[in-house]
Protein backbone atom coordinates (compact mmCIF):
# COMPACT_ATOMS: atom_id res chain seq x y z
CA MET A 1 25.41 29.71 13.18
CA SER A 2 25.52 28.18 16.75
CA GLU A 3 22.60 26.61 18.33
CA ASN A 4 21.35 29.14 20.50
CA GLU A 5 21.55 32.23 17.80
CA GLN A 6 18.51 32.77 16.18
CA PRO A 7 17.88 33.25 12.24
CA GLY A 8 17.29 36.36 10.76
CA PRO A 9 13.92 37.69 8.87
CA ALA A 10 13.00 36.02 6.36
CA ALA A 11 11.60 36.95 2.96
CA PHE A 12 8.06 35.72 2.28
CA ASP A 13 9.21 33.79 -0.95
CA GLU A 14 11.63 31.76 1.58
CA VAL A 15 9.25 31.11 3.60
CA ARG A 16 6.86 29.59 1.19
CA ARG A 17 9.55 27.35 -0.30
CA ALA A 18 10.52 25.99 3.20
CA LEU A 19 6.88 25.14 3.92
CA ALA A 20 6.31 23.74 0.25
CA ALA A 21 9.45 21.62 1.10
CA VAL A 22 7.44 20.21 4.35
CA ASP A 23 5.82 17.61 1.84
CA ARG A 24 3.69 14.73 2.34
CA ASP A 25 6.08 12.59 3.59
CA THR A 26 7.32 14.77 6.22
CA ARG A 27 3.52 15.84 7.10
CA THR A 28 2.93 11.79 7.88
CA ARG A 29 6.05 11.35 9.65
CA LEU A 30 4.73 14.71 11.73
CA LEU A 31 1.34 12.97 12.41
CA ALA A 32 3.24 10.08 13.52
CA THR A 33 5.08 11.16 15.85
CA LEU A 34 2.23 13.17 17.84
CA ALA A 35 -0.25 10.37 17.83
CA ARG A 36 2.02 8.58 18.96
CA ARG A 37 3.08 10.72 21.74
CA PHE A 38 -1.17 11.29 22.68
CA GLY A 39 -2.45 8.80 21.24
CA ASP A 40 -5.09 10.96 19.28
CA LEU A 41 -5.64 11.39 15.47
CA ASP A 42 -8.35 14.48 15.83
CA LEU A 43 -5.74 15.95 18.22
CA ALA A 44 -2.43 15.20 16.37
CA GLU A 45 -4.09 16.90 13.33
CA ASP A 46 -5.27 19.89 14.32
CA ALA A 47 -1.86 20.53 16.02
CA LEU A 48 0.13 19.97 12.82
CA GLN A 49 -2.38 22.29 11.33
CA GLU A 50 -1.70 24.88 14.29
CA ALA A 51 1.69 24.45 13.93
CA LEU A 52 1.87 24.77 10.33
CA ALA A 53 0.06 28.08 10.40
CA GLN A 54 2.01 29.50 13.21
CA ALA A 55 5.00 29.06 10.76
CA VAL A 56 3.34 31.28 8.17
CA SER A 57 3.08 33.97 10.54
CA THR A 58 6.42 33.66 12.60
CA TRP A 59 8.78 32.70 10.10
CA PRO A 60 8.70 35.90 8.15
CA ALA A 61 9.86 37.67 11.15
CA THR A 62 12.15 34.80 13.17
CA GLY A 63 13.43 33.33 10.02
CA VAL A 64 13.27 30.13 8.82
CA PRO A 65 14.42 27.46 11.39
CA GLN A 66 17.41 25.10 10.26
CA ILE A 67 15.58 22.24 10.69
CA PRO A 68 11.70 23.10 10.29
CA GLU A 69 10.51 19.12 10.93
CA ALA A 70 12.07 20.10 14.20
CA TRP A 71 10.19 23.36 15.08
CA LEU A 72 6.94 21.99 13.95
CA THR A 73 7.27 18.79 16.16
CA ILE A 74 8.06 21.10 19.25
CA THR A 75 5.22 23.40 18.22
CA ALA A 76 2.58 21.39 17.47
CA THR A 77 3.35 19.09 20.32
CA ARG A 78 2.79 22.90 22.27
CA LYS A 79 -0.44 23.04 20.79
CA ALA A 80 -1.59 19.33 21.77
CA LEU A 81 -0.54 20.27 25.29
CA ASP A 82 -2.35 23.49 25.44
CA VAL A 83 -5.52 22.07 23.99
CA ILE A 84 -5.19 19.20 26.81
CA ARG A 85 -4.74 21.71 29.09
CA ARG A 86 -8.24 23.80 27.84
CA GLU A 87 -10.09 20.30 28.14
CA ASN A 88 -9.33 19.86 31.81
CA THR A 89 -8.05 16.26 31.26
CA LEU A 90 -4.43 17.21 31.58
CA ALA A 91 -3.86 14.88 34.97
CA GLN A 92 -5.29 12.03 33.06
CA LYS A 93 -3.44 12.46 29.64
CA LEU A 94 0.08 12.88 31.70
CA ALA A 95 -0.49 9.93 33.45
CA GLN A 96 -1.23 7.99 30.39
CA LEU A 97 1.54 10.15 28.21
CA HIS A 98 3.77 9.46 31.15
CA ILE A 99 4.96 13.47 31.01
CA GLU A 100 5.98 14.96 34.22
CA THR A 101 6.78 18.29 32.99
CA ASP A 102 5.29 20.31 29.76
CA ARG A 103 8.97 20.28 28.42
CA ALA A 104 10.31 17.03 29.87
CA PRO A 105 10.20 15.03 26.95
CA LEU A 106 11.88 16.97 24.81
CA ALA A 107 15.63 17.01 24.38
CA SER A 108 17.68 19.70 25.78
CA SER A 109 18.64 20.69 22.19
CA TYR A 110 14.51 20.89 21.54
CA ALA A 111 13.98 23.57 24.37
CA ASP A 112 12.79 26.66 22.18
CA PRO A 113 10.92 26.29 18.52
CA ALA A 114 12.85 29.04 17.71
CA GLU A 115 15.72 28.11 17.77
CA THR A 116 17.43 25.54 15.61
CA LEU A 117 19.50 22.38 15.54
CA SER A 118 22.79 22.06 13.73
CA ASP A 119 24.44 19.02 15.21
CA GLY A 120 22.09 16.70 12.91
CA THR A 121 19.66 15.32 15.06
CA THR A 122 17.08 13.98 13.08
CA ILE A 123 13.02 13.46 14.11
CA PRO A 124 12.36 9.36 15.15
CA ASP A 125 10.07 8.32 12.29
CA ASP A 126 7.17 7.00 14.36
CA ARG A 127 5.23 5.72 11.55
CA LEU A 128 5.87 2.02 12.02
CA ALA A 129 3.90 2.75 14.69
CA MET A 130 0.96 4.44 12.42
CA ILE A 131 0.79 1.62 10.40
CA PHE A 132 0.58 -0.87 13.14
CA ALA A 133 -2.17 1.26 14.86
CA CYS A 134 -4.28 1.98 11.23
CA ALA A 135 -4.07 -2.00 11.21
CA HIS A 136 -5.33 -3.12 14.02
CA PRO A 137 -7.30 -6.30 13.86
CA VAL A 138 -10.41 -4.30 16.02
CA LEU A 139 -10.70 -2.08 13.02
CA ARG A 140 -12.79 -3.29 9.91
CA ALA A 141 -10.85 -4.18 6.79
CA GLU A 142 -12.22 -1.03 4.91
CA ASP A 143 -11.44 1.31 7.72
CA ARG A 144 -8.03 0.31 7.55
CA VAL A 145 -7.48 0.74 4.00
CA ALA A 146 -9.01 4.10 4.70
CA LEU A 147 -6.71 5.04 7.53
CA MET A 148 -3.35 3.60 6.04
CA LEU A 149 -3.91 6.32 2.86
CA ARG A 150 -5.30 8.65 5.17
CA PHE A 151 -2.54 9.00 8.08
CA VAL A 152 0.41 6.37 6.38
CA ALA A 153 0.45 8.04 2.58
CA GLY A 154 -0.86 11.04 3.44
CA LEU A 155 -4.07 11.25 1.15
CA SER A 156 -6.45 14.19 1.38
CA VAL A 157 -9.95 12.96 2.42
CA ASP A 158 -10.94 13.72 -1.36
CA GLU A 159 -8.14 11.87 -2.82
CA VAL A 160 -8.81 8.73 -0.13
CA ALA A 161 -12.53 8.88 -1.78
CA HIS A 162 -11.42 8.96 -5.16
CA ALA A 163 -9.02 6.11 -4.41
CA LEU A 164 -11.74 4.13 -3.23
CA LEU A 165 -14.85 4.90 -5.58
CA VAL A 166 -16.78 6.06 -2.78
CA PRO A 167 -18.34 9.78 -2.15
CA LYS A 168 -16.20 12.30 -0.22
CA THR A 169 -19.15 12.26 2.15
CA THR A 170 -18.91 8.87 2.84
CA MET A 171 -15.21 8.67 3.32
CA GLN A 172 -15.35 11.64 5.48
CA GLN A 173 -17.92 9.67 7.73
CA ARG A 174 -16.15 6.11 7.48
CA ILE A 175 -13.00 7.91 8.61
CA VAL A 176 -14.75 9.77 11.68
CA ARG A 177 -16.07 6.11 12.57
CA ALA A 178 -12.91 4.68 12.54
CA LYS A 179 -10.91 7.32 14.29
CA LYS A 180 -13.57 7.11 17.35
CA ARG A 181 -13.09 3.34 17.19
CA VAL A 182 -9.69 3.87 17.60
CA ALA A 183 -9.91 6.26 20.52
CA THR A 184 -13.12 4.07 22.22
CA LEU A 185 -11.02 0.99 21.88
CA GLY A 186 -7.75 2.40 23.10
CA VAL A 187 -5.63 1.24 20.37
CA PRO A 188 -2.15 1.89 21.03
CA PHE A 189 0.06 3.86 18.92
CA GLY A 190 3.08 2.16 19.44
CA VAL A 191 5.05 -1.11 18.33
CA PRO A 192 3.21 -4.33 19.45
CA PRO A 193 4.97 -6.74 22.07
CA PRO A 194 7.07 -9.09 19.86
CA ASP A 195 4.53 -12.23 19.92
CA ALA A 196 1.80 -9.52 18.36
CA VAL A 197 3.80 -8.68 15.37
CA PRO A 198 3.46 -11.16 12.99
CA GLU A 199 -0.32 -10.99 13.28
CA ARG A 200 -0.04 -7.07 13.17
CA LEU A 201 2.32 -6.96 10.62
CA ALA A 202 0.29 -9.67 8.34
CA GLY A 203 -2.58 -6.96 8.82
CA ALA A 204 -0.92 -3.79 7.18
CA LEU A 205 1.46 -6.03 4.41
CA ARG A 206 -2.10 -6.83 3.19
CA VAL A 207 -3.77 -3.70 2.83
CA VAL A 208 -0.61 -2.51 0.61
CA TYR A 209 -1.54 -5.92 -1.53
CA LEU A 210 -5.03 -5.40 -1.79
CA LEU A 211 -4.24 -1.55 -2.48
CA TYR A 212 -1.92 -2.62 -5.03
CA SER A 213 -4.10 -5.50 -6.74
CA GLU A 214 -7.05 -2.81 -6.71
CA GLY A 215 -4.95 -0.67 -9.06
CA PHE A 216 -3.26 -3.47 -10.87
CA SER A 217 -6.61 -4.77 -12.19
CA ARG A 218 -9.87 -2.53 -11.10
CA SER A 219 -12.57 -4.13 -9.69
CA THR A 220 -15.09 -1.46 -11.38
CA GLY A 221 -14.56 1.32 -13.26
CA SER A 222 -14.00 2.59 -17.30
CA THR A 223 -9.88 2.15 -17.11
CA HIS A 224 -8.07 -1.47 -16.41
CA ILE A 225 -5.53 0.23 -14.33
CA ARG A 226 -5.20 2.84 -11.12
CA ASP A 227 -1.51 4.05 -11.38
CA ASP A 228 -2.44 6.47 -7.99
CA LEU A 229 -3.15 3.55 -6.42
CA THR A 230 -0.46 1.33 -7.74
CA GLU A 231 1.93 4.10 -7.03
CA GLU A 232 0.72 4.71 -3.19
CA ALA A 233 0.96 0.97 -2.45
CA ILE A 234 4.75 0.66 -3.85
CA ARG A 235 5.19 3.81 -1.69
CA LEU A 236 3.87 2.16 1.52
CA ALA A 237 5.76 -0.93 0.46
CA ARG A 238 8.81 0.90 0.47
CA LEU A 239 8.33 2.98 3.91
CA LEU A 240 7.45 -0.74 5.70
CA HIS A 241 10.88 -2.06 3.95
CA ARG A 242 12.92 1.22 5.31
CA LEU A 243 11.68 0.63 9.06
CA LEU A 244 11.57 -2.92 9.16
CA PRO A 245 13.99 -4.20 6.76
CA GLY A 246 14.97 -7.18 8.35
CA ARG A 247 11.53 -9.05 7.92
CA ALA A 248 11.54 -11.39 4.97
CA GLU A 249 7.72 -10.94 4.24
CA VAL A 250 8.10 -7.04 4.10
CA THR A 251 11.13 -7.61 1.62
CA GLY A 252 9.30 -9.98 -0.58
CA LEU A 253 6.10 -8.02 -0.74
CA LEU A 254 8.16 -5.21 -1.82
CA ALA A 255 9.86 -7.29 -4.21
CA LEU A 256 6.40 -8.62 -5.38
CA LEU A 257 4.84 -5.30 -6.05
CA VAL A 258 8.04 -3.81 -7.80
CA LEU A 259 8.29 -6.69 -10.25
CA THR A 260 4.93 -6.42 -11.01
CA GLU A 261 5.11 -3.11 -11.79
CA ALA A 262 8.02 -3.43 -14.19
CA ARG A 263 5.62 -4.78 -16.59
CA ARG A 264 3.10 -1.82 -16.36
CA ARG A 265 3.92 0.05 -19.91
CA ALA A 266 3.36 -3.17 -21.90
CA ARG A 267 -0.10 -4.04 -19.96
CA VAL A 268 -2.62 -2.36 -21.74
CA ASP A 269 -2.49 -0.98 -25.36
CA ASP A 270 -2.92 2.68 -26.66
CA ALA A 271 -6.55 2.93 -26.08
CA GLY A 272 -6.66 1.24 -22.92
CA ALA A 273 -7.39 -2.30 -23.14
CA PRO A 274 -5.69 -5.01 -21.17
CA ILE A 275 -2.81 -7.23 -23.32
CA PRO A 276 -2.15 -10.78 -22.18
CA LEU A 277 1.38 -11.82 -20.44
CA ALA A 278 1.54 -13.95 -23.59
CA ASP A 279 1.13 -10.83 -25.68
CA GLN A 280 3.16 -8.01 -23.95
CA ASP A 281 6.06 -6.36 -25.67
CA ARG A 282 9.08 -7.46 -23.28
CA SER A 283 11.24 -4.47 -24.60
CA LEU A 284 8.66 -1.91 -22.53
CA TRP A 285 9.50 -3.81 -19.30
CA ASP A 286 11.49 -1.78 -16.99
CA ALA A 287 14.68 -2.99 -16.29
CA ALA A 288 15.63 -0.98 -13.55
CA LEU A 289 12.76 -2.31 -11.63
CA ILE A 290 13.39 -6.12 -12.53
CA ALA A 291 17.14 -5.27 -11.47
CA GLU A 292 16.03 -3.83 -8.10
CA GLY A 293 12.78 -6.77 -7.94
CA THR A 294 15.08 -9.67 -8.47
CA LEU A 295 17.39 -8.51 -6.02
CA LEU A 296 15.15 -8.13 -3.09
CA ALA A 297 13.49 -11.54 -4.10
CA GLU A 298 16.48 -13.28 -3.69
CA ALA A 299 17.12 -11.81 -0.04
CA ALA A 300 13.38 -12.45 1.00
CA ALA A 301 13.87 -15.87 -0.49
CA ALA A 302 17.11 -16.94 1.64
CA ALA A 303 15.62 -15.33 5.18
CA PRO A 304 14.72 -18.30 7.35
CA ASP A 305 10.83 -16.17 7.53
CA ALA A 306 10.53 -16.39 4.31
CA ALA A 307 6.65 -17.77 3.73
CA GLY A 308 3.96 -16.22 1.07
CA TYR A 309 5.27 -13.11 -0.13
CA ALA A 310 8.71 -13.94 -0.68
CA ILE A 311 7.44 -17.00 -2.53
CA GLN A 312 5.05 -14.71 -4.74
CA ALA A 313 8.47 -12.77 -5.09
CA ALA A 314 10.08 -15.78 -6.53
CA ILE A 315 7.16 -16.58 -8.79
CA ALA A 316 7.05 -12.51 -10.25
CA ALA A 317 11.12 -12.69 -10.48
CA VAL A 318 11.01 -16.16 -12.70
CA HIS A 319 8.58 -14.32 -15.17
CA ALA A 320 10.77 -11.55 -15.32
CA GLU A 321 13.60 -13.18 -16.07
CA ALA A 322 12.16 -14.90 -19.14
CA GLY A 323 12.90 -13.39 -22.57
CA THR A 324 9.66 -14.55 -23.88
CA PHE A 325 6.45 -15.86 -23.11
CA ASP A 326 7.83 -19.65 -24.30
CA ALA A 327 10.96 -19.03 -22.42
CA THR A 328 8.99 -18.99 -18.99
CA ASP A 329 10.07 -21.72 -16.71
CA TRP A 330 6.56 -23.06 -16.00
CA ALA A 331 7.63 -26.24 -14.25
CA GLN A 332 9.86 -24.20 -11.76
CA ILE A 333 6.58 -21.95 -11.03
CA ALA A 334 4.68 -24.62 -10.79
CA VAL A 335 6.91 -25.76 -7.90
CA LEU A 336 6.27 -22.24 -6.29
CA TYR A 337 3.22 -22.50 -6.49
CA ARG A 338 2.82 -25.84 -4.56
CA LEU A 339 5.47 -24.09 -2.08
CA LEU A 340 2.92 -21.35 -1.60
CA GLU A 341 0.26 -23.94 -0.71
CA ALA A 342 1.87 -24.35 2.48
CA HIS A 343 1.57 -20.79 3.41
CA ASP A 344 -2.02 -19.86 1.57
CA ASP A 345 -3.90 -23.07 0.31
CA GLY A 346 -6.59 -20.71 -0.91
CA PRO A 347 -8.10 -21.13 -4.33
CA VAL A 348 -6.94 -18.20 -5.64
CA VAL A 349 -3.30 -19.91 -5.12
CA ARG A 350 -4.28 -23.64 -6.15
CA LEU A 351 -6.06 -21.24 -9.34
CA GLY A 352 -2.04 -20.29 -9.84
CA ARG A 353 -0.40 -23.63 -9.61
CA ALA A 354 -3.30 -25.30 -12.43
CA VAL A 355 -2.65 -22.72 -14.65
CA ALA A 356 1.19 -23.23 -14.23
CA VAL A 357 0.90 -27.03 -13.96
CA GLY A 358 -0.99 -26.49 -17.94
CA ARG A 359 1.94 -24.64 -19.16
CA ALA A 360 4.48 -26.80 -17.78
CA TYR A 361 3.39 -30.29 -18.93
CA GLY A 362 0.07 -29.37 -21.62
CA PRO A 363 -3.42 -27.70 -21.67
CA ALA A 364 -5.09 -31.23 -20.84
CA LYS A 365 -3.52 -31.56 -17.64
CA GLY A 366 -4.12 -28.06 -16.82
CA LEU A 367 -7.76 -28.29 -17.54
CA ARG A 368 -7.83 -31.29 -15.38
CA LEU A 369 -6.68 -29.20 -12.12
CA LEU A 370 -8.90 -26.31 -13.49
CA GLU A 371 -12.46 -28.62 -13.61
CA GLY A 372 -11.39 -29.62 -10.28
CA LEU A 373 -11.94 -26.38 -8.89
CA SER A 374 -15.26 -26.09 -10.16
CA GLY A 375 -17.28 -26.61 -6.78
CA ASP A 376 -15.21 -23.74 -5.07
CA ALA A 377 -18.23 -21.20 -4.53
CA ALA A 378 -15.25 -17.62 -4.32
CA LEU A 379 -13.77 -19.41 -7.79
CA SER A 380 -16.93 -19.37 -9.66
CA ARG A 381 -17.61 -15.32 -8.85
CA TYR A 382 -13.77 -14.82 -9.95
CA ARG A 383 -13.27 -13.59 -13.43
CA PRO A 384 -9.90 -14.62 -13.88
CA TYR A 385 -10.72 -18.41 -13.03
CA HIS A 386 -13.07 -18.44 -16.01
CA VAL A 387 -10.70 -16.56 -18.02
CA ALA A 388 -8.32 -19.47 -17.21
CA LEU A 389 -10.73 -21.85 -18.42
CA ALA A 390 -11.50 -20.06 -21.58
CA LEU A 391 -7.96 -20.09 -22.87
CA THR A 392 -7.10 -23.43 -21.87
CA ARG A 393 -10.40 -25.06 -23.51
CA THR A 394 -9.34 -23.02 -26.83
CA GLU A 395 -6.20 -24.42 -27.01
CA LEU A 396 -7.51 -27.50 -26.49
CA GLY A 397 -9.90 -26.82 -29.98
CA ASP A 398 -13.19 -26.35 -27.86
CA ALA A 399 -14.42 -23.03 -28.89
CA ARG A 400 -17.55 -24.15 -27.65
CA ARG A 401 -17.19 -24.09 -24.45
CA ALA A 402 -14.46 -21.63 -24.15
CA ALA A 403 -17.32 -18.95 -25.00
CA ASP A 404 -19.07 -20.35 -22.48
CA ASP A 405 -16.33 -19.43 -19.76
CA TYR A 406 -16.01 -16.22 -21.54
CA ARG A 407 -20.03 -15.16 -21.43
CA ARG A 408 -19.87 -16.62 -17.73
CA ALA A 409 -16.59 -14.01 -17.08
CA LEU A 410 -18.35 -11.11 -18.58
CA ALA A 411 -21.46 -11.90 -16.42
CA LEU A 412 -19.20 -10.90 -13.27
CA PRO A 413 -18.28 -7.35 -11.99
CA GLY A 414 -15.13 -5.87 -13.70
CA ASN A 415 -13.93 -2.87 -15.46
CA ALA A 416 -15.23 -1.81 -18.44
CA ALA A 417 -11.51 -2.01 -20.65
CA GLU A 418 -11.82 -5.74 -19.53
CA ASP A 419 -15.27 -6.13 -20.41
CA ALA A 420 -14.59 -4.89 -23.84
CA PHE A 421 -11.15 -7.22 -24.18
CA LEU A 422 -13.41 -10.67 -23.08
CA ALA A 423 -16.35 -9.67 -25.46
CA ASP A 424 -13.46 -9.65 -27.95
CA SER A 425 -12.08 -13.30 -27.44
CA LEU A 426 -15.45 -14.17 -27.92
CA PRO A 427 -17.08 -15.44 -31.88
CA HIS A 428 -18.61 -12.50 -33.41
CA ASP A 429 -21.84 -14.36 -33.77
CA ASP A 430 -21.91 -15.24 -30.43
CA LEU A 431 -21.80 -11.43 -29.70
CA CYS A 432 -24.96 -11.18 -32.23
CA PRO A 433 -28.66 -11.46 -31.57
CA GLU A 434 -30.56 -14.27 -33.17
């Protein structure tokens, strides 16, 4: 079929299959393309929905286009332009978007939605621009996460609300407020200039990292792990890596998440209780993910711009290559944490180094480092810090003070599965009333 030939009528089942193939990934691509062109998330969403609705009514008569994504892009673009005309703001919008004519920005081969492309032309992936917009520093942290999940991951409002553990109405209001802020402040839907890329990229990577962290060990709720959150975080990390393959920190983040996810099956028992790293059945670790993550970690470490995520990926790779807990090269991990402190000297990194030093050089030395962090206000509210103290003191035979540490950990917020694990770690008498 040539480019100018019209496809024939299509059966409803064929249309339904074609629309089903326009999956979440494709829709986020389309939405990003429209948002980048028009600078308006509401307009982009509405235009895409109208284009999908028109496909339902048009394709049975005209046939399914050879490249449905191109058809939907053109149709949604025209729908958006129609809205702009109706709002009598066409001149202003055209000036902003540099649109000289209704059709000028479209390639000649995209001249009509009924026409199809047979030359292999693809729709450009504008999701990188969407990522930078959603991670813009003028947005509040919680709004960045919500926008990334909604418009980059493609989750529905219900799914975002569930992921972030807030009521649907609250999430609707948060997304509306964030979109209004994007529009009011003129947040650009485009890749920032080179000097602004590192800061903006760091914000985007942080969103993905925090999303995975919440799924890895929930801050609340009944279960220890949220697979839906970890899966979405890895999907976003893969997307960023596909769009920015040469960035060491992007590669490092993906490596870190993949290597961490490789341990997923061994991290909880059949009842959902957490299993410490020392007690995990390493035969359950995913060898394919470890192989992928190790290659990514090596690539990140070798890059001249390697930094925090690349070093964290290297730490995860050292854990992954150890056949047993005792065979772990804790001395190397301690060195890597020291390197990581040059990029992030925060309390959690210092905690990680203290634990690694204790494993490498003995619990007494580790305890001295851990106790040296006792004045840090953030760590005093951080459950893993008190757990690390409890485990180290248990190794040193100080059961009484270890029990105190466990009680402090239990007093802090956490998920119910973790609460039960910590309670079981206390001496039985300690849980009984006098």
